[in-house]
Amino acid sequence: MNKSGKIFVAGHRGMVGSALVRRLGSEGFANLLVRNRSKLDLTNESAVAEFFAEEKPAVVILAAAKVGGIKPNNDFPVEFLLENLRIQNNVIQSAYQTGVRKLLFLGSSCIYPKFAPQPIPETALLSGPLEPTNEAYAIAKIAGIKLCQAYAREYGANFISAMPTNLYGPHDNFDLETSHALAALLRKAYEAKTRKDRELIVWGSGEPRREFLHVDDLARVRRRHLNPRPCGVDL
């Protein structure tokens, strides 16, 4: 892609979006389109359609989402399901209608069943029940993946998805009530060390195994091909 081509990074202020903007900028991509929510509400269908019709980006990276840890996902399933569906549907639909050349939708590893085999194969998708505490978010992400696949199959759109594993890094959420696992552990460890505590209390049994990836590693640009796993973006 010409480095002066328009790239719309939806969700540029989030942990993933900001890492992508940093990386693309360092690679010389000079025409990045970004909008704060005050300027563009992605849940507003008409506003999104107007933005795409006016700007006509060549590439879209859909990193915008309502996200949170176990507690907010469990407490607010309606909000997590509806808001994410609206964002995804509006952006993907407008991308197709305005002739976007390529769209990358960022999903989540929570789309896979709670008891999926380890390591998780892509074929495990929809093969069993989801983790109940974040089921609403996972269903929204699965719908986004399937919508991209449907546009590709029915209309030949170059809309693809990537499933990052558990991420951490700059601009993460460190609120103990709403953060993801690693951010909460980092904060608890830092505060325990500051207080010189002799123990660190964490949630759960300590038995689950988790895989973590730094968000800047996710954002690394690959020149030759798009690896569908969380390793970077070919524009």
Protein backbone atom coordinates (compact mmCIF):
# COMPACT_ATOMS: atom_id res chain seq x y z
CA MET A 1 0.00 0.00 0.00
CA ASN A 2 1.09 3.56 -0.72
CA LYS A 3 2.11 5.10 2.59
CA SER A 4 0.02 8.17 1.85
CA GLY A 5 -3.17 6.09 1.56
CA LYS A 6 -5.88 6.65 4.14
CA ILE A 7 -5.99 4.19 7.03
CA PHE A 8 -8.84 4.49 9.52
CA VAL A 9 -7.88 3.13 12.94
CA ALA A 10 -11.14 2.77 14.85
CA GLY A 11 -10.45 2.84 18.58
CA HIS A 12 -7.15 4.70 18.33
CA ARG A 13 -7.17 5.76 21.99
CA GLY A 14 -7.46 2.23 23.33
CA MET A 15 -4.57 -0.05 24.21
CA VAL A 16 -4.57 -1.87 20.86
CA GLY A 17 -5.51 1.09 18.69
CA SER A 18 -2.87 3.38 20.17
CA ALA A 19 -0.19 0.69 19.66
CA LEU A 20 -1.21 0.34 16.02
CA VAL A 21 -1.08 4.12 15.52
CA ARG A 22 2.39 4.25 17.07
CA ARG A 23 3.65 1.45 14.87
CA LEU A 24 2.09 2.69 11.65
CA GLY A 25 3.49 6.16 12.30
CA SER A 26 6.97 4.76 12.87
CA GLU A 27 6.67 2.83 9.58
CA GLY A 28 5.96 6.05 7.68
CA PHE A 29 2.21 5.76 7.11
CA ALA A 30 1.35 9.43 7.04
CA ASN A 31 -2.41 9.50 6.44
CA LEU A 32 -3.94 7.94 9.53
CA LEU A 33 -7.60 8.75 10.16
CA VAL A 34 -8.54 8.88 13.84
CA ARG A 35 -11.60 10.25 15.59
CA ASN A 36 -12.44 10.64 19.26
CA ARG A 37 -15.88 9.50 20.35
CA SER A 38 -16.90 13.15 20.73
CA LYS A 39 -16.23 13.56 17.00
CA LEU A 40 -17.53 10.19 15.79
CA ASP A 41 -19.80 7.88 17.77
CA LEU A 42 -19.29 4.47 16.19
CA THR A 43 -22.60 3.25 17.63
CA ASN A 44 -24.40 5.86 15.51
CA GLU A 45 -25.10 4.29 12.12
CA SER A 46 -25.78 7.52 10.22
CA ALA A 47 -22.70 9.25 11.67
CA VAL A 48 -20.48 6.34 10.67
CA ALA A 49 -21.95 6.22 7.17
CA GLU A 50 -21.38 9.97 6.75
CA PHE A 51 -17.77 9.68 7.93
CA PHE A 52 -16.96 6.88 5.48
CA ALA A 53 -18.69 8.62 2.60
CA GLU A 54 -16.66 11.78 3.24
CA GLU A 55 -13.25 10.31 4.06
CA LYS A 56 -13.28 7.11 1.95
CA PRO A 57 -10.44 5.27 3.72
CA ALA A 58 -8.57 2.60 1.77
CA VAL A 59 -7.87 0.42 4.81
CA VAL A 60 -9.79 0.03 8.07
CA ILE A 61 -8.48 -1.49 11.30
CA LEU A 62 -11.39 -2.12 13.64
CA ALA A 63 -9.91 -2.06 17.14
CA ALA A 64 -12.80 -0.17 18.75
CA ALA A 65 -14.85 -2.09 21.30
CA LYS A 66 -16.44 -1.91 24.72
CA VAL A 67 -14.03 -3.97 26.81
CA GLY A 68 -13.53 -4.90 30.44
CA GLY A 69 -12.50 -7.61 32.83
CA ILE A 70 -14.53 -10.41 34.39
CA LYS A 71 -16.61 -8.26 36.74
CA PRO A 72 -17.96 -5.65 34.29
CA ASN A 73 -18.54 -8.33 31.64
CA ASN A 74 -20.53 -10.35 34.13
CA ASP A 75 -22.43 -7.35 35.53
CA PHE A 76 -23.35 -5.61 32.26
CA PRO A 77 -23.94 -8.23 29.53
CA VAL A 78 -26.59 -6.15 27.74
CA GLU A 79 -24.25 -3.20 27.31
CA PHE A 80 -21.32 -5.36 26.20
CA LEU A 81 -23.42 -7.20 23.64
CA LEU A 82 -25.37 -4.30 22.16
CA GLU A 83 -22.61 -1.69 22.03
CA ASN A 84 -20.11 -4.02 20.39
CA LEU A 85 -22.65 -5.26 17.86
CA ARG A 86 -23.53 -1.69 16.90
CA ILE A 87 -19.89 -0.63 16.50
CA GLN A 88 -19.00 -3.68 14.39
CA ASN A 89 -22.08 -3.62 12.18
CA ASN A 90 -21.82 0.10 11.46
CA VAL A 91 -18.12 0.10 10.59
CA ILE A 92 -18.11 -3.12 8.56
CA GLN A 93 -21.23 -2.17 6.60
CA SER A 94 -19.98 1.33 5.79
CA ALA A 95 -16.57 -0.05 4.84
CA TYR A 96 -18.18 -2.26 2.23
CA GLN A 97 -20.53 0.44 0.95
CA THR A 98 -17.67 2.89 0.35
CA GLY A 99 -15.30 0.42 -1.29
CA VAL A 100 -12.71 -0.07 1.47
CA ARG A 101 -9.90 -2.19 0.01
CA LYS A 102 -9.09 -4.10 3.18
CA LEU A 103 -10.59 -4.35 6.65
CA LEU A 104 -9.03 -6.04 9.67
CA PHE A 105 -11.39 -6.89 12.52
CA LEU A 106 -9.73 -7.60 15.85
CA GLY A 107 -11.50 -10.28 17.83
CA SER A 108 -10.61 -11.89 21.14
CA SER A 109 -9.46 -15.26 22.41
CA CYS A 110 -12.62 -15.40 24.54
CA ILE A 111 -14.55 -16.42 21.39
CA TYR A 112 -13.42 -20.00 21.98
CA PRO A 113 -15.26 -22.44 24.26
CA LYS A 114 -14.47 -22.44 27.95
CA PHE A 115 -13.11 -25.98 27.74
CA ALA A 116 -11.42 -25.74 24.34
CA PRO A 117 -8.34 -27.94 23.85
CA GLN A 118 -4.96 -26.37 24.63
CA PRO A 119 -3.35 -24.93 22.64
CA ILE A 120 -6.60 -23.72 21.08
CA PRO A 121 -7.09 -24.64 17.39
CA GLU A 122 -9.19 -22.36 15.19
CA THR A 123 -11.54 -25.28 14.60
CA ALA A 124 -12.62 -25.04 18.24
CA LEU A 125 -14.79 -22.02 17.44
CA LEU A 126 -18.47 -22.73 18.20
CA SER A 127 -17.65 -26.26 19.33
CA GLY A 128 -18.83 -25.84 22.92
CA PRO A 129 -20.21 -23.51 25.61
CA LEU A 130 -18.48 -20.19 26.20
CA GLU A 131 -17.14 -18.88 29.51
CA PRO A 132 -20.37 -17.59 31.15
CA THR A 133 -18.83 -14.47 32.73
CA ASN A 134 -17.95 -12.90 29.36
CA GLU A 135 -20.38 -14.70 27.08
CA ALA A 136 -22.05 -11.51 25.83
CA TYR A 137 -18.75 -9.95 24.72
CA ALA A 138 -17.66 -13.21 23.10
CA ILE A 139 -20.93 -13.54 21.17
CA ALA A 140 -20.53 -10.00 19.84
CA LYS A 141 -16.99 -10.77 18.68
CA ILE A 142 -18.09 -14.02 17.04
CA ALA A 143 -20.79 -12.07 15.20
CA GLY A 144 -18.13 -9.65 13.93
CA ILE A 145 -15.97 -12.50 12.64
CA LYS A 146 -18.93 -14.11 10.91
CA LEU A 147 -20.00 -10.79 9.38
CA CYS A 148 -16.53 -10.31 7.87
CA GLN A 149 -16.63 -13.87 6.53
CA ALA A 150 -20.10 -13.27 5.08
CA TYR A 151 -19.01 -10.11 3.24
CA ALA A 152 -15.99 -11.98 1.89
CA ARG A 153 -18.05 -14.97 0.72
CA GLU A 154 -21.07 -13.10 -0.67
CA TYR A 155 -19.44 -9.97 -2.07
CA GLY A 156 -15.74 -10.82 -2.33
CA ALA A 157 -14.76 -8.16 0.23
CA ASN A 158 -11.23 -8.38 1.61
CA PHE A 159 -12.45 -8.36 5.22
CA ILE A 160 -10.45 -10.52 7.62
CA SER A 161 -10.16 -11.14 11.35
CA ALA A 162 -7.34 -11.73 13.84
CA MET A 163 -7.68 -13.10 17.36
CA PRO A 164 -5.19 -11.52 19.75
CA THR A 165 -4.42 -13.43 22.91
CA ASN A 166 -4.53 -11.72 26.33
CA LEU A 167 -2.87 -8.32 25.84
CA TYR A 168 -1.06 -5.89 28.13
CA GLY A 169 0.96 -2.72 27.74
CA PRO A 170 0.67 1.08 27.58
CA HIS A 171 -2.83 2.54 27.98
CA ASP A 172 -4.12 -0.59 29.68
CA ASN A 173 -6.86 -0.28 32.30
CA PHE A 174 -5.45 -0.73 35.80
CA ASP A 175 -8.70 -0.24 37.73
CA LEU A 176 -9.05 -3.24 40.04
CA GLU A 177 -12.81 -3.40 39.47
CA THR A 178 -12.80 -3.32 35.66
CA SER A 179 -9.33 -4.34 34.43
CA HIS A 180 -8.19 -7.53 32.74
CA ALA A 181 -6.15 -10.16 34.55
CA LEU A 182 -2.57 -9.07 33.93
CA ALA A 183 -3.20 -5.36 34.51
CA ALA A 184 -4.81 -6.19 37.86
CA LEU A 185 -1.90 -8.46 38.80
CA LEU A 186 0.63 -5.78 37.89
CA ARG A 187 -1.12 -3.18 39.99
CA LYS A 188 -1.55 -5.53 42.95
CA ALA A 189 2.12 -6.53 42.78
CA TYR A 190 3.25 -2.90 42.56
CA GLU A 191 1.08 -1.80 45.48
CA ALA A 192 2.10 -4.80 47.60
CA LYS A 193 5.77 -4.04 47.00
CA THR A 194 5.23 -0.36 47.80
CA ARG A 195 3.53 -1.26 51.09
CA LYS A 196 6.14 -4.00 51.73
CA ASP A 197 3.37 -6.57 52.17
CA ARG A 198 4.37 -10.16 52.84
CA GLU A 199 1.59 -11.65 50.70
CA LEU A 200 -0.33 -10.92 47.49
CA ILE A 201 -3.97 -11.93 47.21
CA VAL A 202 -5.33 -12.72 43.73
CA TRP A 203 -8.63 -14.07 42.40
CA GLY A 204 -9.15 -17.72 41.54
CA SER A 205 -7.43 -20.98 42.34
CA GLY A 206 -4.12 -20.27 40.63
CA GLU A 207 -4.60 -23.31 38.39
CA PRO A 208 -5.62 -21.66 35.06
CA ARG A 209 -2.92 -21.16 32.42
CA ARG A 210 -2.93 -17.91 30.47
CA GLU A 211 -0.98 -16.64 27.47
CA PHE A 212 -0.05 -12.93 27.37
CA LEU A 213 1.22 -10.73 24.54
CA HIS A 214 2.58 -7.19 24.72
CA VAL A 215 0.42 -4.87 22.66
CA ASP A 216 3.42 -3.45 20.76
CA ASP A 217 4.29 -6.97 19.61
CA LEU A 218 0.74 -7.33 18.31
CA ALA A 219 1.16 -4.12 16.33
CA ARG A 220 4.30 -5.18 14.47
CA VAL A 221 3.84 -4.72 10.73
CA ARG A 222 4.71 -7.64 8.48
CA ARG A 223 5.63 -6.94 4.89
CA ARG A 224 5.02 -10.26 3.15
CA HIS A 225 1.72 -11.59 4.36
CA LEU A 226 -0.96 -11.30 6.98
CA ASN A 227 -0.58 -13.98 9.58
CA PRO A 228 -4.12 -14.63 10.87
CA ARG A 229 -2.76 -15.12 14.35
CA PRO A 230 -1.85 -12.08 16.48
CA CYS A 231 1.49 -11.20 14.88
CA GLY A 232 0.92 -8.06 12.85
CA VAL A 233 -0.76 -6.43 9.93
CA ASP A 234 -0.04 -6.48 6.21
CA LEU A 235 -1.51 -3.39 4.57
